[in-house]
Amino acid sequence: MIIEQGLTVKLTKRNIEYYKEKGYEVDTSEILVDIKDLPLQSSYIVFVKCDNCDKIFQKEYKSVSKYKKHYCSKECQSEYKSNLALKDFERRIGGQDAYTYLKREYIDKQKTTRQISLDVYGTKGNSPNIASWIKNLGIELRQGSEAVKIQWIDNEERRKQAARIMRTNLSKIDRSFMQ
């Protein structure tokens, strides 16, 4: 957020008409200008409050005037966006706590990330997002054979598909060496 402030601006031939049209008295060499009246491309340094950590920092007005949100660092911007995404995720799961929901679905009910993605987003394609939330919230991801084993539980379609593949592959094997 841009902090309300007044700036002392030196009047020149290039800006005198601009400030006159804004209603300022331009009979001196310098005037006190409200920040809202600066031209969008002004390079005056202004004070800005970080939208994530509330730290006050300085930046050129022309880079600040382009955006609604302001961050003191890339880390603060990343943290802010992550918190926003977490709130959106919790909204999608009916306002429940994300950690509790994912622990219940992933650990207790032993759902796969694809199954959880289907429940939350309506598509299996967001399973990497679910895996990322699980990891970021400190829930241990299943690895290796444990993860594969879970995928076979109550999955008759997967069993049929695997059987078809095996029948196709077995029919292609050269068995002449067995005679």
C-alpha atoms as a PDB file:
ATOM      1  CA  MET A   1       0.000   0.000   0.000  1.00  0.00           C
ATOM      2  CA  ILE A   2       1.278   3.446  -0.871  1.00  0.00           C
ATOM      3  CA  ILE A   3       1.507   5.539   2.281  1.00  0.00           C
ATOM      4  CA  GLU A   4      -0.250   8.920   2.090  1.00  0.00           C
ATOM      5  CA  GLN A   5       2.409  11.595   1.964  1.00  0.00           C
ATOM      6  CA  GLY A   6       3.244  14.978   0.569  1.00  0.00           C
ATOM      7  CA  LEU A   7       6.328  15.527  -1.554  1.00  0.00           C
ATOM      8  CA  THR A   8       8.259  18.679  -2.307  1.00  0.00           C
ATOM      9  CA  VAL A   9       8.451  18.939  -6.085  1.00  0.00           C
ATOM     10  CA  LYS A  10      10.711  21.310  -7.991  1.00  0.00           C
ATOM     11  CA  LEU A  11       8.822  23.142 -10.701  1.00  0.00           C
ATOM     12  CA  THR A  12      10.271  23.104 -14.185  1.00  0.00           C
ATOM     13  CA  LYS A  13       9.089  24.151 -17.625  1.00  0.00           C
ATOM     14  CA  ARG A  14       8.043  20.547 -18.204  1.00  0.00           C
ATOM     15  CA  ASN A  15       5.790  20.140 -15.148  1.00  0.00           C
ATOM     16  CA  ILE A  16       4.518  23.618 -14.307  1.00  0.00           C
ATOM     17  CA  GLU A  17       1.414  23.326 -16.540  1.00  0.00           C
ATOM     18  CA  TYR A  18       0.665  19.831 -15.201  1.00  0.00           C
ATOM     19  CA  TYR A  19       0.546  21.034 -11.572  1.00  0.00           C
ATOM     20  CA  LYS A  20      -1.285  24.229 -12.519  1.00  0.00           C
ATOM     21  CA  GLU A  21      -4.051  22.076 -14.088  1.00  0.00           C
ATOM     22  CA  LYS A  22      -4.159  20.034 -10.872  1.00  0.00           C
ATOM     23  CA  GLY A  23      -4.992  23.235  -8.947  1.00  0.00           C
ATOM     24  CA  TYR A  24      -1.618  23.994  -7.336  1.00  0.00           C
ATOM     25  CA  GLU A  25      -0.257  27.531  -6.899  1.00  0.00           C
ATOM     26  CA  VAL A  26       2.855  27.542  -9.098  1.00  0.00           C
ATOM     27  CA  ASP A  27       4.327  30.927  -8.174  1.00  0.00           C
ATOM     28  CA  THR A  28       7.371  29.467  -6.323  1.00  0.00           C
ATOM     29  CA  SER A  29      10.190  27.174  -7.442  1.00  0.00           C
ATOM     30  CA  GLU A  30       8.999  24.295  -5.227  1.00  0.00           C
ATOM     31  CA  ILE A  31       5.551  23.146  -4.138  1.00  0.00           C
ATOM     32  CA  LEU A  32       4.194  20.555  -1.724  1.00  0.00           C
ATOM     33  CA  VAL A  33       2.309  17.957  -3.774  1.00  0.00           C
ATOM     34  CA  ASP A  34      -0.037  15.196  -2.623  1.00  0.00           C
ATOM     35  CA  ILE A  35       1.260  11.811  -3.766  1.00  0.00           C
ATOM     36  CA  LYS A  36      -1.980  11.152  -5.664  1.00  0.00           C
ATOM     37  CA  ASP A  37      -1.174  14.083  -7.939  1.00  0.00           C
ATOM     38  CA  LEU A  38       2.221  12.796  -9.106  1.00  0.00           C
ATOM     39  CA  PRO A  39       2.417  11.796 -12.766  1.00  0.00           C
ATOM     40  CA  LEU A  40       2.315   7.989 -13.171  1.00  0.00           C
ATOM     41  CA  GLN A  41       5.848   7.993 -14.607  1.00  0.00           C
ATOM     42  CA  SER A  42       7.305  10.119 -11.796  1.00  0.00           C
ATOM     43  CA  SER A  43      10.658   8.946 -10.455  1.00  0.00           C
ATOM     44  CA  TYR A  44      10.188  10.516  -7.010  1.00  0.00           C
ATOM     45  CA  ILE A  45      10.899   8.128  -4.160  1.00  0.00           C
ATOM     46  CA  VAL A  46       7.826   7.329  -2.032  1.00  0.00           C
ATOM     47  CA  PHE A  47       7.169   5.311   1.095  1.00  0.00           C
ATOM     48  CA  VAL A  48       5.322   2.023   0.625  1.00  0.00           C
ATOM     49  CA  LYS A  49       4.004  -0.508   3.136  1.00  0.00           C
ATOM     50  CA  CYS A  50       4.523  -4.215   2.331  1.00  0.00           C
ATOM     51  CA  ASP A  51       1.177  -5.995   1.917  1.00  0.00           C
ATOM     52  CA  ASN A  52       2.584  -9.116   3.565  1.00  0.00           C
ATOM     53  CA  CYS A  53       4.774  -8.088   6.515  1.00  0.00           C
ATOM     54  CA  ASP A  54       3.797  -4.384   6.926  1.00  0.00           C
ATOM     55  CA  LYS A  55       7.436  -3.284   6.614  1.00  0.00           C
ATOM     56  CA  ILE A  56       7.810   0.250   5.277  1.00  0.00           C
ATOM     57  CA  PHE A  57      10.245   0.668   2.392  1.00  0.00           C
ATOM     58  CA  GLN A  58      11.037   3.167  -0.365  1.00  0.00           C
ATOM     59  CA  LYS A  59      10.512   2.813  -4.096  1.00  0.00           C
ATOM     60  CA  GLU A  60      10.159   4.984  -7.187  1.00  0.00           C
ATOM     61  CA  TYR A  61       6.573   6.119  -7.722  1.00  0.00           C
ATOM     62  CA  LYS A  62       6.566   4.968 -11.364  1.00  0.00           C
ATOM     63  CA  SER A  63       7.172   1.346 -10.307  1.00  0.00           C
ATOM     64  CA  VAL A  64       4.697   1.555  -7.423  1.00  0.00           C
ATOM     65  CA  SER A  65       1.844   3.201  -9.347  1.00  0.00           C
ATOM     66  CA  LYS A  66       1.518   0.219 -11.724  1.00  0.00           C
ATOM     67  CA  TYR A  67       0.425  -2.329  -9.104  1.00  0.00           C
ATOM     68  CA  LYS A  68      -2.191  -2.612  -6.364  1.00  0.00           C
ATOM     69  CA  LYS A  69      -0.088  -4.891  -4.130  1.00  0.00           C
ATOM     70  CA  HIS A  70       3.447  -4.076  -2.979  1.00  0.00           C
ATOM     71  CA  TYR A  71       6.103  -6.295  -1.397  1.00  0.00           C
ATOM     72  CA  CYS A  72       9.413  -5.467   0.214  1.00  0.00           C
ATOM     73  CA  SER A  73      11.051  -8.618  -1.218  1.00  0.00           C
ATOM     74  CA  LYS A  74      10.479 -11.597  -3.519  1.00  0.00           C
ATOM     75  CA  GLU A  75      10.198 -13.787  -0.405  1.00  0.00           C
ATOM     76  CA  CYS A  76       7.369 -11.643   0.971  1.00  0.00           C
ATOM     77  CA  GLN A  77       5.573 -11.762  -2.378  1.00  0.00           C
ATOM     78  CA  SER A  78       5.933 -15.546  -2.506  1.00  0.00           C
ATOM     79  CA  GLU A  79       4.715 -15.931   1.088  1.00  0.00           C
ATOM     80  CA  TYR A  80       1.712 -13.676   0.416  1.00  0.00           C
ATOM     81  CA  LYS A  81       0.704 -15.628  -2.700  1.00  0.00           C
ATOM     82  CA  SER A  82       1.174 -18.917  -0.871  1.00  0.00           C
ATOM     83  CA  ASN A  83      -1.095 -17.780   1.967  1.00  0.00           C
ATOM     84  CA  LEU A  84      -3.668 -16.605  -0.579  1.00  0.00           C
ATOM     85  CA  ALA A  85      -3.559 -20.001  -2.323  1.00  0.00           C
ATOM     86  CA  LEU A  86      -3.958 -21.761   1.041  1.00  0.00           C
ATOM     87  CA  LYS A  87      -7.059 -19.696   1.817  1.00  0.00           C
ATOM     88  CA  ASP A  88      -8.482 -20.576  -1.620  1.00  0.00           C
ATOM     89  CA  PHE A  89      -7.743 -24.272  -1.019  1.00  0.00           C
ATOM     90  CA  GLU A  90      -9.458 -24.138   2.390  1.00  0.00           C
ATOM     91  CA  ARG A  91     -12.449 -22.412   0.771  1.00  0.00           C
ATOM     92  CA  ARG A  92     -12.655 -25.255  -1.748  1.00  0.00           C
ATOM     93  CA  ILE A  93     -12.730 -27.825   1.063  1.00  0.00           C
ATOM     94  CA  GLY A  94     -15.602 -26.103   2.812  1.00  0.00           C
ATOM     95  CA  GLY A  95     -13.623 -23.907   5.192  1.00  0.00           C
ATOM     96  CA  GLN A  96     -11.896 -26.849   6.866  1.00  0.00           C
ATOM     97  CA  ASP A  97      -8.299 -26.643   8.074  1.00  0.00           C
ATOM     98  CA  ALA A  98      -6.088 -27.850   5.175  1.00  0.00           C
ATOM     99  CA  TYR A  99      -3.762 -29.899   7.409  1.00  0.00           C
ATOM    100  CA  THR A 100      -6.625 -31.740   9.119  1.00  0.00           C
ATOM    101  CA  TYR A 101      -8.436 -32.370   5.826  1.00  0.00           C
ATOM    102  CA  LEU A 102      -5.369 -33.691   3.986  1.00  0.00           C
ATOM    103  CA  LYS A 103      -4.248 -35.827   6.915  1.00  0.00           C
ATOM    104  CA  ARG A 104      -7.691 -37.409   7.130  1.00  0.00           C
ATOM    105  CA  GLU A 105      -8.023 -38.011   3.382  1.00  0.00           C
ATOM    106  CA  TYR A 106      -4.429 -38.982   2.576  1.00  0.00           C
ATOM    107  CA  ILE A 107      -3.315 -40.812   5.721  1.00  0.00           C
ATOM    108  CA  ASP A 108      -6.483 -42.062   7.426  1.00  0.00           C
ATOM    109  CA  LYS A 109      -8.625 -42.831   4.365  1.00  0.00           C
ATOM    110  CA  GLN A 110      -5.521 -43.651   2.258  1.00  0.00           C
ATOM    111  CA  LYS A 111      -6.738 -41.772  -0.789  1.00  0.00           C
ATOM    112  CA  THR A 112      -4.274 -41.010  -3.577  1.00  0.00           C
ATOM    113  CA  THR A 113      -3.422 -37.433  -4.516  1.00  0.00           C
ATOM    114  CA  ARG A 114      -5.434 -37.972  -7.714  1.00  0.00           C
ATOM    115  CA  GLN A 115      -8.517 -39.019  -5.749  1.00  0.00           C
ATOM    116  CA  ILE A 116      -8.178 -35.999  -3.457  1.00  0.00           C
ATOM    117  CA  SER A 117      -7.667 -33.738  -6.495  1.00  0.00           C
ATOM    118  CA  LEU A 118     -10.858 -35.111  -8.034  1.00  0.00           C
ATOM    119  CA  ASP A 119     -12.759 -34.372  -4.791  1.00  0.00           C
ATOM    120  CA  VAL A 120     -11.358 -30.837  -4.384  1.00  0.00           C
ATOM    121  CA  TYR A 121     -10.911 -29.550  -7.945  1.00  0.00           C
ATOM    122  CA  GLY A 122     -13.188 -31.861  -9.928  1.00  0.00           C
ATOM    123  CA  THR A 123     -10.235 -33.170 -11.961  1.00  0.00           C
ATOM    124  CA  LYS A 124      -7.351 -35.561 -11.397  1.00  0.00           C
ATOM    125  CA  GLY A 125      -5.000 -33.144 -13.167  1.00  0.00           C
ATOM    126  CA  ASN A 126      -4.293 -31.098 -10.048  1.00  0.00           C
ATOM    127  CA  SER A 127      -2.747 -33.976  -8.110  1.00  0.00           C
ATOM    128  CA  PRO A 128       0.694 -32.246  -8.148  1.00  0.00           C
ATOM    129  CA  ASN A 129      -0.968 -29.340  -6.277  1.00  0.00           C
ATOM    130  CA  ILE A 130      -2.316 -31.775  -3.687  1.00  0.00           C
ATOM    131  CA  ALA A 131       1.109 -33.422  -3.330  1.00  0.00           C
ATOM    132  CA  SER A 132       2.632 -29.963  -2.872  1.00  0.00           C
ATOM    133  CA  TRP A 133       0.100 -29.046  -0.162  1.00  0.00           C
ATOM    134  CA  ILE A 134       0.750 -32.347   1.610  1.00  0.00           C
ATOM    135  CA  LYS A 135       4.500 -31.713   1.570  1.00  0.00           C
ATOM    136  CA  ASN A 136       4.241 -28.022   2.554  1.00  0.00           C
ATOM    137  CA  LEU A 137       1.933 -28.792   5.475  1.00  0.00           C
ATOM    138  CA  GLY A 138       4.393 -31.345   6.868  1.00  0.00           C
ATOM    139  CA  ILE A 139       2.444 -34.522   6.072  1.00  0.00           C
ATOM    140  CA  GLU A 140       4.771 -37.294   4.951  1.00  0.00           C
ATOM    141  CA  LEU A 141       4.235 -38.399   1.355  1.00  0.00           C
ATOM    142  CA  ARG A 142       3.963 -42.104   0.648  1.00  0.00           C
ATOM    143  CA  GLN A 143       6.972 -43.407  -1.241  1.00  0.00           C
ATOM    144  CA  GLY A 144       7.748 -46.357  -3.508  1.00  0.00           C
ATOM    145  CA  SER A 145       5.885 -49.604  -2.959  1.00  0.00           C
ATOM    146  CA  GLU A 146       3.589 -48.099  -0.331  1.00  0.00           C
ATOM    147  CA  ALA A 147       2.327 -45.526  -2.853  1.00  0.00           C
ATOM    148  CA  VAL A 148       1.871 -48.181  -5.554  1.00  0.00           C
ATOM    149  CA  LYS A 149       0.053 -50.525  -3.178  1.00  0.00           C
ATOM    150  CA  ILE A 150      -2.492 -47.796  -2.298  1.00  0.00           C
ATOM    151  CA  GLN A 151      -3.252 -47.249  -6.001  1.00  0.00           C
ATOM    152  CA  TRP A 152      -4.482 -50.840  -6.324  1.00  0.00           C
ATOM    153  CA  ILE A 153      -6.909 -50.767  -3.372  1.00  0.00           C
ATOM    154  CA  ASP A 154     -10.523 -51.005  -4.618  1.00  0.00           C
ATOM    155  CA  ASN A 155      -9.423 -50.154  -8.154  1.00  0.00           C
ATOM    156  CA  GLU A 156     -11.042 -52.785 -10.368  1.00  0.00           C
ATOM    157  CA  GLU A 157     -10.577 -50.669 -13.503  1.00  0.00           C
ATOM    158  CA  ARG A 158      -6.811 -50.607 -12.942  1.00  0.00           C
ATOM    159  CA  ARG A 159      -6.744 -54.403 -12.441  1.00  0.00           C
ATOM    160  CA  LYS A 160      -8.613 -54.985 -15.724  1.00  0.00           C
ATOM    161  CA  GLN A 161      -6.299 -52.611 -17.596  1.00  0.00           C
ATOM    162  CA  ALA A 162      -3.203 -54.364 -16.216  1.00  0.00           C
ATOM    163  CA  ALA A 163      -4.627 -57.768 -17.198  1.00  0.00           C
ATOM    164  CA  ARG A 164      -5.248 -56.572 -20.775  1.00  0.00           C
ATOM    165  CA  ILE A 165      -1.695 -55.258 -21.049  1.00  0.00           C
ATOM    166  CA  MET A 166      -0.259 -58.520 -19.695  1.00  0.00           C
ATOM    167  CA  ARG A 167      -2.305 -60.643 -22.150  1.00  0.00           C
ATOM    168  CA  THR A 168      -1.160 -58.466 -25.059  1.00  0.00           C
ATOM    169  CA  ASN A 169       2.492 -58.572 -23.995  1.00  0.00           C
ATOM    170  CA  LEU A 170       2.484 -62.311 -23.254  1.00  0.00           C
ATOM    171  CA  SER A 171       1.082 -63.092 -26.699  1.00  0.00           C
ATOM    172  CA  LYS A 172       4.082 -61.306 -28.280  1.00  0.00           C
ATOM    173  CA  ILE A 173       6.717 -63.384 -26.446  1.00  0.00           C
ATOM    174  CA  ASP A 174       8.745 -65.773 -28.615  1.00  0.00           C
ATOM    175  CA  ARG A 175       8.425 -69.168 -26.914  1.00  0.00           C
ATOM    176  CA  SER A 176      10.409 -71.202 -29.415  1.00  0.00           C
ATOM    177  CA  PHE A 177      13.345 -71.431 -27.010  1.00  0.00           C
ATOM    178  CA  MET A 178      11.165 -73.402 -24.553  1.00  0.00           C
ATOM    179  CA  GLN A 179      10.885 -76.507 -26.804  1.00  0.00           C
END
